[in-house]
Amino acid sequence: MSNMKLWDSVCVTDPAAVKPITGKQYKGNSPKPYWVIRRATETFGPCGIGWGVQVVSERFERLTDTDVLHVAMVRVWYIQDGKRGEIEQMGQTKASYKTAAGGTMVDEDAPKKSVTDGMVKCLSMIGFAGDIFSGQWDDSKYVAWAEEQYQPKPDVSAILKGIATSTTLQLLKTNFSHALQMLDKDHHEAIISAKDKRKSELEAKEKA
């Protein structure tokens, strides 16, 4: 197996599953965690069977009188080509912090967020959402290309059937034109062949 086979198969992120980073001093984008979980399931199998997440350790660190950080060491394991792989990464979240208004905010979901953060970081190391973490998401042309990859693919058989069952020459012309627009050049030979065959049938029918 190519060393990049897994990476290449999971590195392109669906733009619909990307969200801007908020609440941080830096700007950027990140993949929605549940989308990453789904992609991991599509790739390895159900969570707990083909892959899984383990909390190796966790702790709270007091930074100031008001700011407390939750830190988790997370391990992601997965089965690929019959072999087990493991990655470990840190995840962290502010469990409490001073707000701009001077009050103290407590986040009861901090441990869950830290584990999720660590999980996404682990999966990114084997390619998941690799285009975001490698900076490609800063290129609008790349984002447009990524969006195309997640568009529903045309049903080739249905399109060819529409040509083959056109009831008039005018309808055949319309269906043929639409087919050329919807399908790439790799399918053009089949489209032209189906059109020519149906055209001959309809012309023979009109002469009869």
N, C-alpha and C. Protein backbone atom coordinates (compact mmCIF):
# COMPACT_ATOMS: atom_id res chain seq x y z
N MET A 1 0.84 -1.20 0.00
CA MET A 1 0.00 0.00 0.00
C MET A 1 0.87 1.25 0.00
N SER A 2 0.52 2.24 -0.81
CA SER A 2 1.25 3.50 -0.80
C SER A 2 1.16 4.15 0.58
N ASN A 3 2.26 4.74 1.01
CA ASN A 3 2.27 5.41 2.31
C ASN A 3 1.26 6.54 2.39
N MET A 4 0.87 7.10 1.24
CA MET A 4 -0.04 8.23 1.23
C MET A 4 -1.48 7.84 0.88
N LYS A 5 -1.75 6.55 0.72
CA LYS A 5 -3.08 6.11 0.29
C LYS A 5 -4.16 6.55 1.28
N LEU A 6 -3.97 6.30 2.57
CA LEU A 6 -4.95 6.69 3.57
C LEU A 6 -5.08 8.21 3.62
N TRP A 7 -3.97 8.89 3.67
CA TRP A 7 -3.97 10.36 3.74
C TRP A 7 -4.75 10.95 2.57
N ASP A 8 -4.43 10.51 1.37
CA ASP A 8 -5.07 11.07 0.18
C ASP A 8 -6.57 10.81 0.14
N SER A 9 -7.01 9.73 0.78
CA SER A 9 -8.42 9.37 0.74
C SER A 9 -9.27 10.16 1.73
N VAL A 10 -8.64 10.82 2.71
CA VAL A 10 -9.42 11.51 3.74
C VAL A 10 -9.03 12.98 3.93
N CYS A 11 -8.10 13.49 3.14
CA CYS A 11 -7.57 14.83 3.39
C CYS A 11 -8.47 15.95 2.89
N VAL A 12 -9.39 15.66 1.96
CA VAL A 12 -10.26 16.71 1.42
C VAL A 12 -11.50 16.85 2.30
N THR A 13 -11.73 18.05 2.79
CA THR A 13 -12.83 18.31 3.72
C THR A 13 -14.03 18.90 2.99
N ASP A 14 -15.21 18.43 3.35
CA ASP A 14 -16.45 18.98 2.82
C ASP A 14 -16.62 20.40 3.36
N PRO A 15 -16.71 21.43 2.49
CA PRO A 15 -16.88 22.80 2.99
C PRO A 15 -18.07 22.97 3.92
N ALA A 16 -19.09 22.13 3.75
CA ALA A 16 -20.26 22.22 4.63
C ALA A 16 -19.93 21.77 6.05
N ALA A 17 -18.78 21.11 6.22
CA ALA A 17 -18.39 20.60 7.54
C ALA A 17 -17.23 21.40 8.13
N VAL A 18 -17.06 22.64 7.66
CA VAL A 18 -15.98 23.50 8.15
C VAL A 18 -16.58 24.68 8.88
N LYS A 19 -16.01 25.02 10.02
CA LYS A 19 -16.51 26.16 10.80
C LYS A 19 -15.34 27.07 11.17
N PRO A 20 -15.60 28.37 11.30
CA PRO A 20 -14.54 29.29 11.70
C PRO A 20 -14.18 29.10 13.16
N ILE A 21 -12.92 29.28 13.49
CA ILE A 21 -12.47 29.17 14.87
C ILE A 21 -12.91 30.42 15.63
N THR A 22 -13.54 30.22 16.77
CA THR A 22 -14.00 31.34 17.60
C THR A 22 -13.45 31.20 19.01
N GLY A 23 -13.43 32.31 19.73
CA GLY A 23 -12.98 32.30 21.12
C GLY A 23 -11.47 32.12 21.28
N LYS A 24 -10.72 32.32 20.19
CA LYS A 24 -9.26 32.19 20.25
C LYS A 24 -8.63 33.51 19.83
N GLN A 25 -7.35 33.67 20.15
CA GLN A 25 -6.64 34.88 19.77
C GLN A 25 -6.24 34.86 18.30
N TYR A 26 -6.33 33.68 17.68
CA TYR A 26 -5.98 33.55 16.28
C TYR A 26 -7.23 33.19 15.47
N LYS A 27 -7.15 33.44 14.16
CA LYS A 27 -8.26 33.13 13.27
C LYS A 27 -7.93 31.91 12.43
N GLY A 28 -8.96 31.31 11.85
CA GLY A 28 -8.76 30.15 11.01
C GLY A 28 -10.02 29.33 10.91
N ASN A 29 -9.88 28.11 10.47
CA ASN A 29 -11.03 27.20 10.31
C ASN A 29 -10.71 25.86 10.93
N SER A 30 -11.74 25.12 11.25
CA SER A 30 -11.56 23.77 11.78
C SER A 30 -12.71 22.89 11.29
N PRO A 31 -12.47 21.58 11.18
CA PRO A 31 -13.54 20.68 10.74
C PRO A 31 -14.52 20.43 11.89
N LYS A 32 -15.78 20.25 11.56
CA LYS A 32 -16.75 19.90 12.59
C LYS A 32 -16.43 18.50 13.11
N PRO A 33 -16.27 18.35 14.43
CA PRO A 33 -15.85 17.06 14.99
C PRO A 33 -16.72 15.88 14.58
N TYR A 34 -18.05 16.08 14.54
CA TYR A 34 -18.91 14.94 14.23
C TYR A 34 -18.74 14.49 12.79
N TRP A 35 -18.38 15.43 11.90
CA TRP A 35 -18.09 15.06 10.51
C TRP A 35 -16.83 14.21 10.46
N VAL A 36 -15.83 14.58 11.27
CA VAL A 36 -14.59 13.80 11.32
C VAL A 36 -14.88 12.40 11.84
N ILE A 37 -15.75 12.30 12.85
CA ILE A 37 -16.13 10.99 13.39
C ILE A 37 -16.80 10.14 12.31
N ARG A 38 -17.67 10.76 11.53
CA ARG A 38 -18.33 10.02 10.46
C ARG A 38 -17.33 9.55 9.41
N ARG A 39 -16.38 10.42 9.04
CA ARG A 39 -15.38 10.05 8.04
C ARG A 39 -14.51 8.90 8.56
N ALA A 40 -14.18 8.94 9.85
CA ALA A 40 -13.39 7.86 10.42
C ALA A 40 -14.17 6.54 10.39
N THR A 41 -15.47 6.63 10.63
CA THR A 41 -16.32 5.44 10.59
C THR A 41 -16.44 4.90 9.17
N GLU A 42 -16.57 5.80 8.19
CA GLU A 42 -16.61 5.38 6.79
C GLU A 42 -15.30 4.69 6.38
N THR A 43 -14.20 5.14 6.96
CA THR A 43 -12.88 4.65 6.57
C THR A 43 -12.49 3.36 7.29
N PHE A 44 -12.75 3.31 8.60
CA PHE A 44 -12.27 2.18 9.40
C PHE A 44 -13.37 1.22 9.88
N GLY A 45 -14.61 1.69 9.92
CA GLY A 45 -15.69 0.89 10.45
C GLY A 45 -16.26 1.53 11.70
N PRO A 46 -17.26 0.90 12.33
CA PRO A 46 -17.90 1.48 13.51
C PRO A 46 -16.92 1.80 14.62
N CYS A 47 -17.16 2.91 15.31
CA CYS A 47 -16.32 3.29 16.44
C CYS A 47 -16.40 2.21 17.51
N GLY A 48 -15.26 1.81 18.03
CA GLY A 48 -15.20 0.74 19.02
C GLY A 48 -14.85 -0.60 18.40
N ILE A 49 -14.96 -0.68 17.06
CA ILE A 49 -14.62 -1.91 16.34
C ILE A 49 -13.46 -1.66 15.38
N GLY A 50 -13.63 -0.66 14.51
CA GLY A 50 -12.56 -0.35 13.55
C GLY A 50 -11.64 0.76 14.01
N TRP A 51 -12.13 1.56 14.95
CA TRP A 51 -11.32 2.64 15.51
C TRP A 51 -11.94 3.06 16.82
N GLY A 52 -11.22 3.87 17.59
CA GLY A 52 -11.77 4.30 18.86
C GLY A 52 -10.91 5.37 19.52
N VAL A 53 -11.44 5.92 20.62
CA VAL A 53 -10.78 7.01 21.35
C VAL A 53 -10.61 6.61 22.81
N GLN A 54 -9.43 6.85 23.35
CA GLN A 54 -9.16 6.56 24.75
C GLN A 54 -8.57 7.80 25.42
N VAL A 55 -9.00 8.08 26.63
CA VAL A 55 -8.43 9.17 27.42
C VAL A 55 -7.29 8.60 28.24
N VAL A 56 -6.08 8.94 27.90
CA VAL A 56 -4.91 8.40 28.59
C VAL A 56 -4.74 9.06 29.94
N SER A 57 -4.92 10.38 29.98
CA SER A 57 -4.83 11.11 31.25
C SER A 57 -5.52 12.46 31.08
N GLU A 58 -5.87 13.07 32.18
CA GLU A 58 -6.47 14.40 32.15
C GLU A 58 -6.18 15.12 33.46
N ARG A 59 -6.18 16.43 33.39
CA ARG A 59 -5.89 17.21 34.60
C ARG A 59 -6.40 18.64 34.42
N PHE A 60 -6.54 19.34 35.55
CA PHE A 60 -6.85 20.77 35.55
C PHE A 60 -5.60 21.52 35.97
N GLU A 61 -5.31 22.61 35.26
CA GLU A 61 -4.16 23.45 35.60
C GLU A 61 -4.64 24.87 35.89
N ARG A 62 -4.32 25.37 37.08
CA ARG A 62 -4.72 26.75 37.41
C ARG A 62 -3.68 27.71 36.84
N LEU A 63 -4.16 28.63 36.02
CA LEU A 63 -3.27 29.60 35.39
C LEU A 63 -3.23 30.91 36.17
N THR A 64 -4.40 31.37 36.61
CA THR A 64 -4.51 32.59 37.42
C THR A 64 -5.58 32.35 38.47
N ASP A 65 -5.94 33.38 39.20
CA ASP A 65 -7.01 33.24 40.19
C ASP A 65 -8.34 32.86 39.55
N THR A 66 -8.54 33.26 38.29
CA THR A 66 -9.82 33.00 37.63
C THR A 66 -9.71 31.99 36.49
N ASP A 67 -8.53 31.84 35.94
CA ASP A 67 -8.37 30.99 34.75
C ASP A 67 -7.85 29.60 35.10
N VAL A 68 -8.63 28.59 34.68
CA VAL A 68 -8.26 27.19 34.90
C VAL A 68 -8.33 26.46 33.56
N LEU A 69 -7.30 25.70 33.26
CA LEU A 69 -7.22 24.99 31.98
C LEU A 69 -7.42 23.49 32.21
N HIS A 70 -8.26 22.88 31.37
CA HIS A 70 -8.38 21.43 31.41
C HIS A 70 -7.55 20.85 30.28
N VAL A 71 -6.72 19.86 30.60
CA VAL A 71 -5.83 19.25 29.62
C VAL A 71 -6.07 17.74 29.60
N ALA A 72 -6.20 17.18 28.41
CA ALA A 72 -6.40 15.73 28.28
C ALA A 72 -5.41 15.15 27.27
N MET A 73 -4.80 14.03 27.64
CA MET A 73 -3.99 13.28 26.69
C MET A 73 -4.91 12.22 26.08
N VAL A 74 -5.07 12.29 24.76
CA VAL A 74 -6.03 11.43 24.07
C VAL A 74 -5.30 10.50 23.12
N ARG A 75 -5.77 9.26 23.07
CA ARG A 75 -5.21 8.28 22.13
C ARG A 75 -6.31 7.83 21.18
N VAL A 76 -6.02 7.85 19.89
CA VAL A 76 -6.92 7.30 18.88
C VAL A 76 -6.26 6.06 18.29
N TRP A 77 -6.99 4.95 18.28
CA TRP A 77 -6.49 3.72 17.65
C TRP A 77 -7.37 3.40 16.44
N TYR A 78 -6.81 2.70 15.49
CA TYR A 78 -7.56 2.34 14.29
C TYR A 78 -6.95 1.09 13.67
N ILE A 79 -7.77 0.40 12.87
CA ILE A 79 -7.32 -0.80 12.17
C ILE A 79 -7.26 -0.49 10.68
N GLN A 80 -6.09 -0.68 10.08
CA GLN A 80 -5.90 -0.41 8.66
C GLN A 80 -5.13 -1.57 8.05
N ASP A 81 -5.74 -2.22 7.04
CA ASP A 81 -5.11 -3.36 6.38
C ASP A 81 -4.68 -4.43 7.39
N GLY A 82 -5.54 -4.65 8.38
CA GLY A 82 -5.29 -5.69 9.37
C GLY A 82 -4.29 -5.31 10.45
N LYS A 83 -3.77 -4.09 10.40
CA LYS A 83 -2.80 -3.65 11.40
C LYS A 83 -3.40 -2.54 12.27
N ARG A 84 -2.99 -2.53 13.53
CA ARG A 84 -3.50 -1.54 14.47
C ARG A 84 -2.54 -0.35 14.55
N GLY A 85 -3.09 0.83 14.43
CA GLY A 85 -2.29 2.04 14.57
C GLY A 85 -2.77 2.85 15.76
N GLU A 86 -1.89 3.64 16.34
CA GLU A 86 -2.25 4.49 17.48
C GLU A 86 -1.58 5.85 17.35
N ILE A 87 -2.31 6.90 17.73
CA ILE A 87 -1.76 8.24 17.78
C ILE A 87 -2.17 8.89 19.10
N GLU A 88 -1.29 9.68 19.69
CA GLU A 88 -1.61 10.40 20.91
C GLU A 88 -1.40 11.90 20.69
N GLN A 89 -2.33 12.68 21.24
CA GLN A 89 -2.23 14.13 21.14
C GLN A 89 -2.88 14.77 22.37
N MET A 90 -2.50 16.01 22.63
CA MET A 90 -3.08 16.75 23.74
C MET A 90 -4.29 17.54 23.25
N GLY A 91 -5.29 17.63 24.10
CA GLY A 91 -6.42 18.52 23.87
C GLY A 91 -6.58 19.41 25.08
N GLN A 92 -6.98 20.64 24.88
CA GLN A 92 -7.12 21.53 26.03
C GLN A 92 -8.25 22.53 25.84
N THR A 93 -8.85 22.92 26.97
CA THR A 93 -9.96 23.86 26.97
C THR A 93 -9.94 24.65 28.27
N LYS A 94 -10.29 25.92 28.19
CA LYS A 94 -10.40 26.71 29.42
C LYS A 94 -11.66 26.28 30.17
N ALA A 95 -11.47 25.79 31.39
CA ALA A 95 -12.61 25.36 32.20
C ALA A 95 -13.25 26.54 32.92
N SER A 96 -12.45 27.55 33.22
CA SER A 96 -12.98 28.80 33.75
C SER A 96 -12.02 29.92 33.36
N TYR A 97 -12.58 31.11 33.18
CA TYR A 97 -11.74 32.23 32.76
C TYR A 97 -12.47 33.54 33.03
N LYS A 98 -11.68 34.60 33.06
CA LYS A 98 -12.21 35.93 33.30
C LYS A 98 -12.75 36.50 32.00
N THR A 99 -13.96 37.00 32.03
CA THR A 99 -14.58 37.55 30.83
C THR A 99 -14.18 39.00 30.63
N ALA A 100 -14.48 39.54 29.44
CA ALA A 100 -14.15 40.93 29.15
C ALA A 100 -14.89 41.88 30.09
N ALA A 101 -16.05 41.42 30.59
CA ALA A 101 -16.84 42.25 31.50
C ALA A 101 -16.33 42.19 32.93
N GLY A 102 -15.33 41.32 33.16
CA GLY A 102 -14.75 41.23 34.50
C GLY A 102 -15.29 40.10 35.35
N GLY A 103 -16.28 39.38 34.84
CA GLY A 103 -16.82 38.24 35.58
C GLY A 103 -16.04 36.97 35.32
N THR A 104 -16.48 35.89 35.92
CA THR A 104 -15.83 34.59 35.74
C THR A 104 -16.79 33.64 35.03
N MET A 105 -16.32 33.04 33.94
CA MET A 105 -17.12 32.09 33.18
C MET A 105 -16.62 30.68 33.46
N VAL A 106 -17.54 29.78 33.77
CA VAL A 106 -17.18 28.38 34.02
C VAL A 106 -17.79 27.52 32.91
N ASP A 107 -16.95 26.69 32.28
CA ASP A 107 -17.41 25.81 31.20
C ASP A 107 -17.45 24.37 31.72
N GLU A 108 -18.65 23.88 31.99
CA GLU A 108 -18.79 22.53 32.54
C GLU A 108 -18.49 21.45 31.50
N ASP A 109 -18.47 21.84 30.21
CA ASP A 109 -18.19 20.89 29.13
C ASP A 109 -16.71 20.86 28.76
N ALA A 110 -15.88 21.53 29.53
CA ALA A 110 -14.45 21.61 29.20
C ALA A 110 -13.80 20.24 29.01
N PRO A 111 -14.03 19.26 29.89
CA PRO A 111 -13.40 17.95 29.67
C PRO A 111 -13.81 17.31 28.35
N LYS A 112 -15.09 17.40 28.00
CA LYS A 112 -15.57 16.82 26.74
C LYS A 112 -14.91 17.52 25.55
N LYS A 113 -14.80 18.85 25.63
CA LYS A 113 -14.19 19.61 24.55
C LYS A 113 -12.70 19.28 24.39
N SER A 114 -12.03 19.07 25.50
CA SER A 114 -10.60 18.72 25.45
C SER A 114 -10.39 17.38 24.77
N VAL A 115 -11.24 16.41 25.09
CA VAL A 115 -11.14 15.09 24.47
C VAL A 115 -11.43 15.19 22.98
N THR A 116 -12.45 15.95 22.62
CA THR A 116 -12.78 16.14 21.21
C THR A 116 -11.63 16.82 20.47
N ASP A 117 -11.05 17.82 21.09
CA ASP A 117 -9.91 18.53 20.50
C ASP A 117 -8.75 17.57 20.26
N GLY A 118 -8.46 16.74 21.25
CA GLY A 118 -7.37 15.76 21.11
C GLY A 118 -7.67 14.73 20.03
N MET A 119 -8.92 14.30 19.94
CA MET A 119 -9.31 13.31 18.93
C MET A 119 -9.11 13.85 17.52
N VAL A 120 -9.58 15.08 17.28
CA VAL A 120 -9.45 15.68 15.95
C VAL A 120 -7.97 15.86 15.60
N LYS A 121 -7.16 16.27 16.57
CA LYS A 121 -5.72 16.43 16.34
C LYS A 121 -5.08 15.09 15.98
N CYS A 122 -5.48 14.02 16.67
CA CYS A 122 -4.94 12.69 16.37
C CYS A 122 -5.28 12.28 14.95
N LEU A 123 -6.54 12.42 14.57
CA LEU A 123 -6.97 12.00 13.24
C LEU A 123 -6.35 12.88 12.15
N SER A 124 -6.04 14.13 12.49
CA SER A 124 -5.41 15.00 11.50
C SER A 124 -4.01 14.51 11.16
N MET A 125 -3.38 13.78 12.06
CA MET A 125 -2.02 13.30 11.83
C MET A 125 -1.95 12.15 10.84
N ILE A 126 -3.11 11.56 10.52
CA ILE A 126 -3.13 10.52 9.47
C ILE A 126 -3.94 11.00 8.26
N GLY A 127 -4.18 12.32 8.23
CA GLY A 127 -4.73 12.91 7.02
C GLY A 127 -6.13 13.50 7.09
N PHE A 128 -6.91 13.17 8.09
CA PHE A 128 -8.29 13.66 8.16
C PHE A 128 -8.30 15.19 8.22
N ALA A 129 -9.05 15.81 7.29
CA ALA A 129 -9.10 17.27 7.18
C ALA A 129 -7.71 17.85 6.99
N GLY A 130 -6.86 17.11 6.32
CA GLY A 130 -5.48 17.55 6.12
C GLY A 130 -5.37 18.84 5.34
N ASP A 131 -6.35 19.12 4.47
CA ASP A 131 -6.30 20.36 3.69
C ASP A 131 -6.46 21.58 4.57
N ILE A 132 -7.21 21.47 5.66
CA ILE A 132 -7.38 22.59 6.58
C ILE A 132 -6.10 22.82 7.38
N PHE A 133 -5.59 21.74 7.97
CA PHE A 133 -4.43 21.87 8.84
C PHE A 133 -3.14 22.19 8.09
N SER A 134 -3.13 21.95 6.78
CA SER A 134 -1.94 22.26 5.98
C SER A 134 -2.02 23.65 5.35
N GLY A 135 -3.12 24.38 5.60
CA GLY A 135 -3.24 25.74 5.11
C GLY A 135 -3.89 25.89 3.75
N GLN A 136 -4.28 24.80 3.11
CA GLN A 136 -4.89 24.91 1.78
C GLN A 136 -6.23 25.62 1.82
N TRP A 137 -6.87 25.63 2.99
CA TRP A 137 -8.19 26.23 3.11
C TRP A 137 -8.13 27.75 2.99
N ASP A 138 -6.93 28.32 3.01
CA ASP A 138 -6.79 29.76 2.84
C ASP A 138 -6.94 30.17 1.37
N ASP A 139 -6.94 29.20 0.48
CA ASP A 139 -7.04 29.45 -0.96
C ASP A 139 -8.50 29.26 -1.41
N SER A 140 -9.14 30.32 -1.82
CA SER A 140 -10.56 30.25 -2.20
C SER A 140 -10.77 29.32 -3.39
N LYS A 141 -9.80 29.25 -4.30
CA LYS A 141 -9.93 28.35 -5.44
C LYS A 141 -9.90 26.89 -4.98
N TYR A 142 -9.10 26.61 -3.97
CA TYR A 142 -9.08 25.24 -3.44
C TYR A 142 -10.42 24.90 -2.79
N VAL A 143 -10.96 25.83 -2.03
CA VAL A 143 -12.25 25.59 -1.36
C VAL A 143 -13.33 25.29 -2.39
N ALA A 144 -13.32 26.04 -3.50
CA ALA A 144 -14.31 25.81 -4.56
C ALA A 144 -14.12 24.42 -5.16
N TRP A 145 -12.87 24.02 -5.35
CA TRP A 145 -12.59 22.67 -5.87
C TRP A 145 -13.06 21.61 -4.89
N ALA A 146 -12.81 21.81 -3.59
CA ALA A 146 -13.23 20.84 -2.57
C ALA A 146 -14.74 20.70 -2.56
N GLU A 147 -15.44 21.80 -2.76
CA GLU A 147 -16.90 21.76 -2.78
C GLU A 147 -17.40 20.90 -3.95
N GLU A 148 -16.71 20.98 -5.08
CA GLU A 148 -17.09 20.17 -6.24
C GLU A 148 -16.97 18.68 -5.95
N GLN A 149 -15.98 18.31 -5.11
CA GLN A 149 -15.75 16.90 -4.82
C GLN A 149 -16.90 16.29 -4.03
N TYR A 150 -17.67 17.14 -3.33
CA TYR A 150 -18.77 16.64 -2.50
C TYR A 150 -20.15 16.88 -3.14
N GLN A 151 -20.15 17.36 -4.38
CA GLN A 151 -21.42 17.52 -5.08
C GLN A 151 -21.92 16.14 -5.52
N PRO A 152 -23.23 15.94 -5.52
CA PRO A 152 -23.77 14.64 -5.98
C PRO A 152 -23.33 14.36 -7.41
N LYS A 153 -22.89 13.14 -7.65
CA LYS A 153 -22.44 12.76 -8.99
C LYS A 153 -23.64 12.44 -9.88
N PRO A 154 -23.60 12.85 -11.15
CA PRO A 154 -24.70 12.55 -12.07
C PRO A 154 -24.88 11.05 -12.24
N ASP A 155 -26.12 10.61 -12.39
CA ASP A 155 -26.43 9.20 -12.61
C ASP A 155 -26.26 8.91 -14.10
N VAL A 156 -25.10 8.35 -14.46
CA VAL A 156 -24.78 8.11 -15.86
C VAL A 156 -25.81 7.21 -16.53
N SER A 157 -26.18 6.12 -15.85
CA SER A 157 -27.12 5.17 -16.45
C SER A 157 -28.48 5.81 -16.71
N ALA A 158 -28.92 6.66 -15.79
CA ALA A 158 -30.22 7.33 -15.96
C ALA A 158 -30.17 8.31 -17.12
N ILE A 159 -29.04 9.02 -17.25
CA ILE A 159 -28.89 9.98 -18.34
C ILE A 159 -28.90 9.27 -19.69
N LEU A 160 -28.16 8.16 -19.79
CA LEU A 160 -28.13 7.40 -21.04
C LEU A 160 -29.49 6.79 -21.36
N LYS A 161 -30.20 6.38 -20.31
CA LYS A 161 -31.54 5.82 -20.52
C LYS A 161 -32.47 6.90 -21.06
N GLY A 162 -32.31 8.14 -20.56
CA GLY A 162 -33.15 9.24 -21.04
C GLY A 162 -32.94 9.50 -22.52
N ILE A 163 -31.68 9.35 -22.97
CA ILE A 163 -31.40 9.52 -24.40
C ILE A 163 -32.01 8.36 -25.19
N ALA A 164 -31.81 7.15 -24.69
CA ALA A 164 -32.26 5.95 -25.41
C ALA A 164 -33.77 5.84 -25.49
N THR A 165 -34.50 6.53 -24.63
CA THR A 165 -35.97 6.43 -24.62
C THR A 165 -36.64 7.73 -25.06
N SER A 166 -35.85 8.67 -25.60
CA SER A 166 -36.45 9.92 -26.10
C SER A 166 -37.50 9.59 -27.16
N THR A 167 -38.65 10.21 -27.05
CA THR A 167 -39.78 9.85 -27.94
C THR A 167 -39.84 10.65 -29.23
N THR A 168 -39.10 11.78 -29.29
CA THR A 168 -39.07 12.58 -30.52
C THR A 168 -37.64 13.04 -30.78
N LEU A 169 -37.40 13.44 -32.03
CA LEU A 169 -36.07 13.93 -32.38
C LEU A 169 -35.73 15.22 -31.62
N GLN A 170 -36.72 16.08 -31.39
CA GLN A 170 -36.49 17.31 -30.64
C GLN A 170 -36.13 17.01 -29.19
N LEU A 171 -36.85 16.06 -28.59
CA LEU A 171 -36.56 15.67 -27.21
C LEU A 171 -35.18 15.01 -27.14
N LEU A 172 -34.84 14.23 -28.14
CA LEU A 172 -33.52 13.60 -28.18
C LEU A 172 -32.43 14.66 -28.23
N LYS A 173 -32.64 15.68 -29.05
CA LYS A 173 -31.66 16.77 -29.15
C LYS A 173 -31.48 17.46 -27.80
N THR A 174 -32.59 17.71 -27.11
CA THR A 174 -32.54 18.37 -25.81
C THR A 174 -31.82 17.50 -24.77
N ASN A 175 -32.19 16.22 -24.72
CA ASN A 175 -31.56 15.30 -23.76
C ASN A 175 -30.07 15.13 -24.04
N PHE A 176 -29.72 15.08 -25.31
CA PHE A 176 -28.32 14.93 -25.70
C PHE A 176 -27.51 16.16 -25.27
N SER A 177 -28.06 17.34 -25.48
CA SER A 177 -27.38 18.58 -25.10
C SER A 177 -27.17 18.64 -23.59
N HIS A 178 -28.20 18.28 -22.84
CA HIS A 178 -28.09 18.29 -21.38
C HIS A 178 -27.06 17.26 -20.90
N ALA A 179 -27.02 16.11 -21.55
CA ALA A 179 -26.09 15.06 -21.15
C ALA A 179 -24.64 15.51 -21.34
N LEU A 180 -24.36 16.20 -22.42
CA LEU A 180 -23.01 16.70 -22.68
C LEU A 180 -22.58 17.71 -21.62
N GLN A 181 -23.53 18.47 -21.10
CA GLN A 181 -23.24 19.48 -20.08
C GLN A 181 -23.02 18.84 -18.71
N MET A 182 -23.74 17.75 -18.44
CA MET A 182 -23.70 17.13 -17.11
C MET A 182 -22.53 16.17 -16.93
N LEU A 183 -22.14 15.47 -18.00
CA LEU A 183 -21.11 14.44 -17.89
C LEU A 183 -19.80 14.90 -18.50
N ASP A 184 -18.68 14.43 -17.93
CA ASP A 184 -17.37 14.83 -18.43
C ASP A 184 -17.03 14.13 -19.75
N LYS A 185 -15.90 14.49 -20.30
CA LYS A 185 -15.51 14.00 -21.62
C LYS A 185 -15.31 12.49 -21.66
N ASP A 186 -15.03 11.90 -20.49
CA ASP A 186 -14.84 10.44 -20.46
C ASP A 186 -16.11 9.70 -20.86
N HIS A 187 -17.27 10.37 -20.72
CA HIS A 187 -18.55 9.74 -21.04
C HIS A 187 -19.11 10.17 -22.40
N HIS A 188 -18.43 11.11 -23.05
CA HIS A 188 -18.99 11.66 -24.29
C HIS A 188 -19.17 10.61 -25.39
N GLU A 189 -18.26 9.67 -25.49
CA GLU A 189 -18.37 8.65 -26.53
C GLU A 189 -19.65 7.83 -26.35
N ALA A 190 -19.95 7.46 -25.09
CA ALA A 190 -21.16 6.69 -24.82
C ALA A 190 -22.41 7.52 -25.09
N ILE A 191 -22.35 8.81 -24.77
CA ILE A 191 -23.49 9.70 -25.01
C ILE A 191 -23.77 9.82 -26.50
N ILE A 192 -22.72 10.05 -27.27
CA ILE A 192 -22.87 10.20 -28.73
C ILE A 192 -23.39 8.92 -29.36
N SER A 193 -22.86 7.79 -28.89
CA SER A 193 -23.30 6.50 -29.42
C SER A 193 -24.78 6.28 -29.15
N ALA A 194 -25.22 6.57 -27.91
CA ALA A 194 -26.63 6.40 -27.54
C ALA A 194 -27.51 7.34 -28.35
N LYS A 195 -27.03 8.55 -28.57
CA LYS A 195 -27.80 9.53 -29.36
C LYS A 195 -27.95 9.07 -30.81
N ASP A 196 -26.84 8.63 -31.41
CA ASP A 196 -26.88 8.20 -32.81
C ASP A 196 -27.81 7.01 -33.00
N LYS A 197 -27.75 6.09 -32.04
CA LYS A 197 -28.60 4.89 -32.14
C LYS A 197 -30.07 5.28 -32.06
N ARG A 198 -30.41 6.14 -31.08
CA ARG A 198 -31.82 6.52 -30.92
C ARG A 198 -32.28 7.39 -32.10
N LYS A 199 -31.40 8.21 -32.65
CA LYS A 199 -31.76 9.04 -33.79
C LYS A 199 -32.12 8.17 -35.00
N SER A 200 -31.33 7.13 -35.20
CA SER A 200 -31.62 6.21 -36.32
C SER A 200 -32.96 5.53 -36.12
N GLU A 201 -33.26 5.13 -34.88
CA GLU A 201 -34.52 4.46 -34.59
C GLU A 201 -35.71 5.39 -34.83
N LEU A 202 -35.57 6.66 -34.38
CA LEU A 202 -36.67 7.59 -34.55
C LEU A 202 -36.87 8.00 -36.01
N GLU A 203 -35.78 8.14 -36.76
CA GLU A 203 -35.90 8.48 -38.17
C GLU A 203 -36.54 7.33 -38.95
N ALA A 204 -36.18 6.11 -38.60
CA ALA A 204 -36.78 4.94 -39.26
C ALA A 204 -38.26 4.85 -38.94
N LYS A 205 -38.62 5.20 -37.73
CA LYS A 205 -40.02 5.16 -37.30
C LYS A 205 -40.84 6.20 -38.07
N GLU A 206 -40.23 7.39 -38.28
CA GLU A 206 -40.96 8.44 -39.00
C GLU A 206 -41.17 8.06 -40.48
N LYS A 207 -40.22 7.35 -41.08
CA LYS A 207 -40.31 6.95 -42.49
C LYS A 207 -41.30 5.80 -42.70
N ALA A 208 -41.51 5.03 -41.63
CA ALA A 208 -42.38 3.84 -41.77
C ALA A 208 -43.83 4.25 -42.00
